[in-house]
Amino acid sequence: NLVFEITEGDETTISTIRFVGNERFSDDELRSELSSQEHRWYNFLSSSDRYDPDRLQYDLELIRQFYLQEGYADFRVLSSSSELSKDKKDFFITVTVDEGERYKVSDISVKSLIRNLDPNSLIDQVTFKPQDWYNAEEVKATVDAMTKRLGDQQYAFVTVVPDVQRDKNQKTINIVFNINESPRVFVERIDIDGNVRTLDKVVRREMDLVEGDPFNRTKLAKSEKNIRDLDYFENVQVKTLPGSAPDKTVVDVSVEE
């Protein structure tokens, strides 16, 4: 007989979260964008101050998105380190960033490779204008709006891909929305797993795709964001798997409560 004896020890919490290389935003401003929090006595009802390496990776993505919304198109997370205290009760997290330059939008255009589609008919779907600070969320919102407009016009199998062209000398960005045909693939099935207390329908109603819909990566990414924004789950992963035929795909939604 083989017996494993395990001593779990106490849960480790996050003592401090500090940033290196941030000049435009303070540590407090950046910490407010994270899902992880520093340990405080009044957070006893929350698990956000527990050290979780998966959640830390998600937080790094939140920081990246925050800077991209503020116009820092060259932003990078250079490194992140988690140091355990000597008493093994707390972690000290340090994130080193490179903010880069802040860019303004110079020019916006739409190009179409689809026959009989006038690209100028989509320019009114752009949610920002020249001389605005570059915002990656607004670019995504424009892609969503154009995709919806094309769907309303019966163009189901198209992709809208933004081409971000930087001018580092002028600190400006030209954005070209390229519209092209995509392979004809349909959603065969949506599988949801990992939800113990949360009903399937709670997750499904956040999906922008349903069984039988034309597959769309933009809507898939939006669906994943919707599920994350519920704040019901510590981790959300949405991936695609081959379906029963070449023109079918299975969407697998894995959550961790």
Protein backbone atom coordinates (compact mmCIF):
# COMPACT_ATOMS: atom_id res chain seq x y z
CA ASN A 1 0.00 0.00 0.00
CA LEU A 2 1.25 3.47 -0.91
CA VAL A 3 0.09 6.33 1.32
CA PHE A 4 0.72 10.02 0.60
CA GLU A 5 0.83 12.18 3.72
CA ILE A 6 0.30 15.86 2.88
CA THR A 7 0.83 18.91 5.06
CA GLU A 8 -0.90 21.75 3.24
CA GLY A 9 0.28 24.60 5.47
CA ASP A 10 -1.35 28.03 5.53
CA GLU A 11 -2.62 29.80 2.44
CA THR A 12 -0.09 32.32 1.12
CA THR A 13 -1.33 35.84 0.58
CA ILE A 14 0.00 38.78 -1.45
CA SER A 15 1.83 41.22 0.80
CA THR A 16 2.80 43.84 -1.80
CA ILE A 17 2.41 44.49 -5.52
CA ARG A 18 4.90 46.99 -6.90
CA PHE A 19 5.78 48.21 -10.38
CA VAL A 20 9.10 49.24 -11.89
CA GLY A 21 9.40 51.42 -15.01
CA ASN A 22 6.01 53.12 -14.72
CA GLU A 23 6.28 56.90 -15.10
CA ARG A 24 2.88 57.92 -16.44
CA PHE A 25 0.77 56.01 -13.90
CA SER A 26 1.38 55.46 -10.19
CA ASP A 27 1.53 52.05 -8.50
CA ASP A 28 -1.87 52.70 -6.92
CA GLU A 29 -3.44 53.46 -10.31
CA LEU A 30 -2.04 50.26 -11.81
CA ARG A 31 -2.98 48.15 -8.80
CA SER A 32 -6.59 49.30 -9.18
CA GLU A 33 -6.67 47.62 -12.63
CA LEU A 34 -5.73 44.19 -11.25
CA SER A 35 -7.96 41.36 -10.10
CA SER A 36 -5.36 40.47 -7.45
CA GLN A 37 -5.16 42.65 -4.34
CA GLU A 38 -2.72 43.18 -1.53
CA HIS A 39 -3.62 41.46 1.73
CA ARG A 40 -5.69 43.57 4.12
CA TRP A 41 -7.51 42.41 7.23
CA TYR A 42 -10.87 43.60 5.88
CA ASN A 43 -10.57 41.34 2.79
CA PHE A 44 -11.35 38.19 4.74
CA LEU A 45 -14.46 37.52 2.61
CA SER A 46 -12.49 37.69 -0.64
CA SER A 47 -9.86 35.42 -2.16
CA SER A 48 -8.37 38.16 -4.33
CA ASP A 49 -5.42 38.52 -1.95
CA ARG A 50 -4.48 34.83 -2.26
CA TYR A 51 -1.45 34.19 -4.43
CA ASP A 52 -2.48 32.51 -7.69
CA PRO A 53 0.04 32.32 -10.57
CA ASP A 54 -2.76 31.86 -13.14
CA ARG A 55 -4.54 34.96 -11.92
CA LEU A 56 -1.25 36.85 -12.00
CA GLN A 57 -0.89 36.05 -15.71
CA TYR A 58 -4.42 37.36 -16.24
CA ASP A 59 -3.49 40.53 -14.33
CA LEU A 60 -0.51 41.12 -16.62
CA GLU A 61 -2.91 41.01 -19.56
CA LEU A 62 -5.19 43.50 -17.76
CA ILE A 63 -2.25 45.88 -17.36
CA ARG A 64 -1.39 45.51 -21.05
CA GLN A 65 -4.98 46.27 -22.06
CA PHE A 66 -5.06 49.29 -19.75
CA TYR A 67 -1.98 50.85 -21.38
CA LEU A 68 -3.27 50.07 -24.88
CA GLN A 69 -6.48 51.91 -24.03
CA GLU A 70 -4.44 54.94 -22.98
CA GLY A 71 -2.52 55.18 -26.26
CA TYR A 72 0.67 53.30 -25.37
CA ALA A 73 0.81 50.99 -28.38
CA ASP A 74 4.39 49.87 -27.70
CA PHE A 75 3.76 48.91 -24.07
CA ARG A 76 5.48 45.73 -22.85
CA VAL A 77 5.65 43.77 -19.63
CA LEU A 78 9.37 43.09 -19.36
CA SER A 79 9.20 40.69 -16.42
CA SER A 80 7.24 39.68 -13.34
CA SER A 81 8.60 38.03 -10.23
CA SER A 82 6.99 36.52 -7.15
CA GLU A 83 9.19 36.29 -4.07
CA LEU A 84 8.10 34.21 -1.06
CA SER A 85 8.80 35.66 2.38
CA LYS A 86 11.09 33.85 4.78
CA ASP A 87 8.18 32.71 6.96
CA LYS A 88 6.46 31.40 3.80
CA LYS A 89 3.24 33.28 4.52
CA ASP A 90 3.35 36.11 1.96
CA PHE A 91 4.41 36.83 -1.60
CA PHE A 92 6.03 40.02 -2.84
CA ILE A 93 5.14 40.63 -6.49
CA THR A 94 7.21 42.92 -8.71
CA VAL A 95 6.20 43.79 -12.29
CA THR A 96 8.68 45.56 -14.58
CA VAL A 97 7.14 47.44 -17.49
CA ASP A 98 8.24 49.47 -20.50
CA GLU A 99 5.55 52.08 -21.18
CA GLY A 100 6.87 53.25 -24.54
CA GLU A 101 5.54 56.28 -26.39
CA ARG A 102 1.96 57.52 -26.43
CA TYR A 103 0.37 57.68 -29.89
CA LYS A 104 -2.42 59.66 -31.50
CA VAL A 105 -4.52 58.44 -34.43
CA SER A 106 -3.48 60.08 -37.68
CA ASP A 107 -5.56 58.44 -40.42
CA ILE A 108 -8.39 55.88 -40.60
CA SER A 109 -9.33 53.93 -43.72
CA VAL A 110 -11.23 50.81 -44.80
CA LYS A 111 -10.09 48.44 -47.56
CA SER A 112 -12.24 45.65 -48.97
CA LEU A 113 -11.25 42.59 -51.02
CA ILE A 114 -14.89 41.50 -51.35
CA ARG A 115 -16.57 42.08 -54.68
CA ASN A 116 -19.43 44.60 -54.72
CA LEU A 117 -18.71 45.77 -51.18
CA ASP A 118 -18.12 49.50 -50.91
CA PRO A 119 -15.64 50.07 -48.05
CA ASN A 120 -16.90 53.63 -47.60
CA SER A 121 -20.23 52.21 -46.43
CA LEU A 122 -18.50 51.03 -43.24
CA ILE A 123 -16.56 54.16 -42.32
CA ASP A 124 -19.45 55.39 -40.17
CA GLN A 125 -18.94 52.36 -37.89
CA VAL A 126 -15.59 53.71 -36.67
CA THR A 127 -15.97 54.66 -33.00
CA PHE A 128 -13.06 57.10 -32.87
CA LYS A 129 -11.64 59.87 -35.03
CA PRO A 130 -8.30 61.32 -36.11
CA GLN A 131 -6.30 63.13 -33.41
CA ASP A 132 -7.82 60.93 -30.68
CA TRP A 133 -5.37 59.06 -28.48
CA TYR A 134 -4.95 55.52 -29.74
CA ASN A 135 -7.25 53.12 -27.87
CA ALA A 136 -7.12 49.38 -28.58
CA GLU A 137 -10.59 48.89 -27.06
CA GLU A 138 -12.06 51.39 -29.53
CA VAL A 139 -10.37 49.51 -32.37
CA LYS A 140 -12.00 46.28 -31.14
CA ALA A 141 -15.34 48.04 -30.81
CA THR A 142 -15.02 49.23 -34.42
CA VAL A 143 -14.22 45.68 -35.59
CA ASP A 144 -17.32 44.42 -33.74
CA ALA A 145 -19.50 47.15 -35.25
CA MET A 146 -18.24 46.49 -38.78
CA THR A 147 -18.69 42.74 -38.35
CA LYS A 148 -22.27 43.28 -37.19
CA ARG A 149 -23.01 45.63 -40.10
CA LEU A 150 -21.60 43.09 -42.58
CA GLY A 151 -23.68 40.37 -40.95
CA ASP A 152 -26.80 42.51 -41.37
CA GLN A 153 -25.85 42.84 -45.05
CA GLN A 154 -25.67 39.01 -45.31
CA TYR A 155 -21.86 38.88 -45.38
CA ALA A 156 -21.54 36.09 -42.82
CA PHE A 157 -18.10 34.76 -43.77
CA VAL A 158 -15.88 37.80 -43.55
CA THR A 159 -13.08 38.96 -41.30
CA VAL A 160 -12.28 42.52 -40.29
CA VAL A 161 -8.58 42.80 -39.47
CA PRO A 162 -7.12 46.12 -38.28
CA ASP A 163 -3.65 46.97 -39.55
CA VAL A 164 -1.96 49.32 -37.05
CA GLN A 165 0.82 51.30 -38.74
CA ARG A 166 3.05 53.26 -36.33
CA ASP A 167 5.04 56.38 -37.15
CA LYS A 168 7.47 56.51 -34.21
CA ASN A 169 8.96 59.82 -35.28
CA GLN A 170 5.62 61.64 -35.35
CA LYS A 171 4.14 59.46 -32.57
CA THR A 172 1.06 58.79 -34.68
CA ILE A 173 -0.77 55.70 -35.88
CA ASN A 174 -2.56 54.99 -39.14
CA ILE A 175 -5.26 52.32 -38.88
CA VAL A 176 -6.46 50.37 -41.92
CA PHE A 177 -9.42 48.00 -41.50
CA ASN A 178 -8.96 45.18 -44.03
CA ILE A 179 -12.07 43.21 -44.98
CA ASN A 180 -11.68 39.81 -46.58
CA GLU A 181 -13.56 36.55 -46.98
CA SER A 182 -12.99 33.81 -44.40
CA PRO A 183 -13.46 30.02 -44.68
CA ARG A 184 -17.04 28.82 -44.26
CA VAL A 185 -17.08 27.26 -40.80
CA PHE A 186 -20.10 26.83 -38.52
CA VAL A 187 -20.37 26.29 -34.77
CA GLU A 188 -21.39 22.68 -34.29
CA ARG A 189 -21.52 22.60 -30.50
CA ILE A 190 -20.66 24.66 -27.42
CA ASP A 191 -19.36 22.64 -24.45
CA ILE A 192 -19.16 24.16 -20.96
CA ASP A 193 -17.25 22.47 -18.15
CA GLY A 194 -15.88 23.36 -14.74
CA ASN A 195 -19.06 25.11 -13.55
CA VAL A 196 -20.21 23.42 -10.35
CA ARG A 197 -22.51 26.00 -8.77
CA THR A 198 -23.22 28.11 -11.86
CA LEU A 199 -25.84 26.85 -14.31
CA ASP A 200 -24.93 26.33 -17.96
CA LYS A 201 -27.50 28.89 -19.08
CA VAL A 202 -25.75 31.61 -17.06
CA VAL A 203 -22.60 31.06 -19.12
CA ARG A 204 -24.40 30.49 -22.42
CA ARG A 205 -26.26 33.78 -22.29
CA GLU A 206 -22.89 35.58 -22.33
CA MET A 207 -21.91 33.87 -25.58
CA ASP A 208 -22.19 35.95 -28.75
CA LEU A 209 -22.21 32.65 -30.67
CA VAL A 210 -24.76 29.83 -30.59
CA GLU A 211 -24.87 26.41 -32.24
CA GLY A 212 -25.35 26.77 -35.99
CA ASP A 213 -23.91 30.27 -36.24
CA PRO A 214 -21.10 31.07 -38.68
CA PHE A 215 -17.88 30.90 -36.69
CA ASN A 216 -16.42 34.32 -35.92
CA ARG A 217 -13.22 34.85 -33.92
CA THR A 218 -14.15 38.39 -32.96
CA LYS A 219 -17.39 37.19 -31.41
CA LEU A 220 -15.50 34.33 -29.74
CA ALA A 221 -13.09 36.77 -28.07
CA LYS A 222 -16.02 38.99 -27.05
CA SER A 223 -17.76 35.96 -25.52
CA GLU A 224 -14.69 35.12 -23.43
CA LYS A 225 -14.52 38.71 -22.18
CA ASN A 226 -18.23 38.64 -21.29
CA ILE A 227 -17.77 35.51 -19.19
CA ARG A 228 -14.72 36.97 -17.43
CA ASP A 229 -16.63 40.16 -16.68
CA LEU A 230 -19.21 38.16 -14.72
CA ASP A 231 -16.60 37.89 -11.93
CA TYR A 232 -17.98 34.44 -11.08
CA PHE A 233 -14.84 32.58 -12.14
CA GLU A 234 -11.17 32.74 -11.22
CA ASN A 235 -10.13 31.42 -14.62
CA VAL A 236 -11.83 31.27 -18.03
CA GLN A 237 -10.47 29.54 -21.13
CA VAL A 238 -12.28 29.44 -24.47
CA LYS A 239 -10.80 27.34 -27.27
CA THR A 240 -11.92 25.72 -30.49
CA LEU A 241 -11.75 22.03 -31.34
CA PRO A 242 -12.29 20.20 -34.65
CA GLY A 243 -15.92 19.28 -35.32
CA SER A 244 -17.42 16.25 -37.01
CA ALA A 245 -16.70 17.76 -40.46
CA PRO A 246 -14.10 20.15 -41.92
CA ASP A 247 -16.64 22.99 -41.99
CA LYS A 248 -17.68 22.55 -38.34
CA THR A 249 -16.01 23.52 -35.08
CA VAL A 250 -16.65 22.87 -31.41
CA VAL A 251 -16.29 25.73 -28.92
CA ASP A 252 -15.01 24.52 -25.54
CA VAL A 253 -15.59 26.85 -22.58
CA SER A 254 -13.66 25.84 -19.46
CA VAL A 255 -14.24 27.81 -16.24
CA GLU A 256 -12.89 27.58 -12.71
CA GLU A 257 -15.14 28.79 -9.89
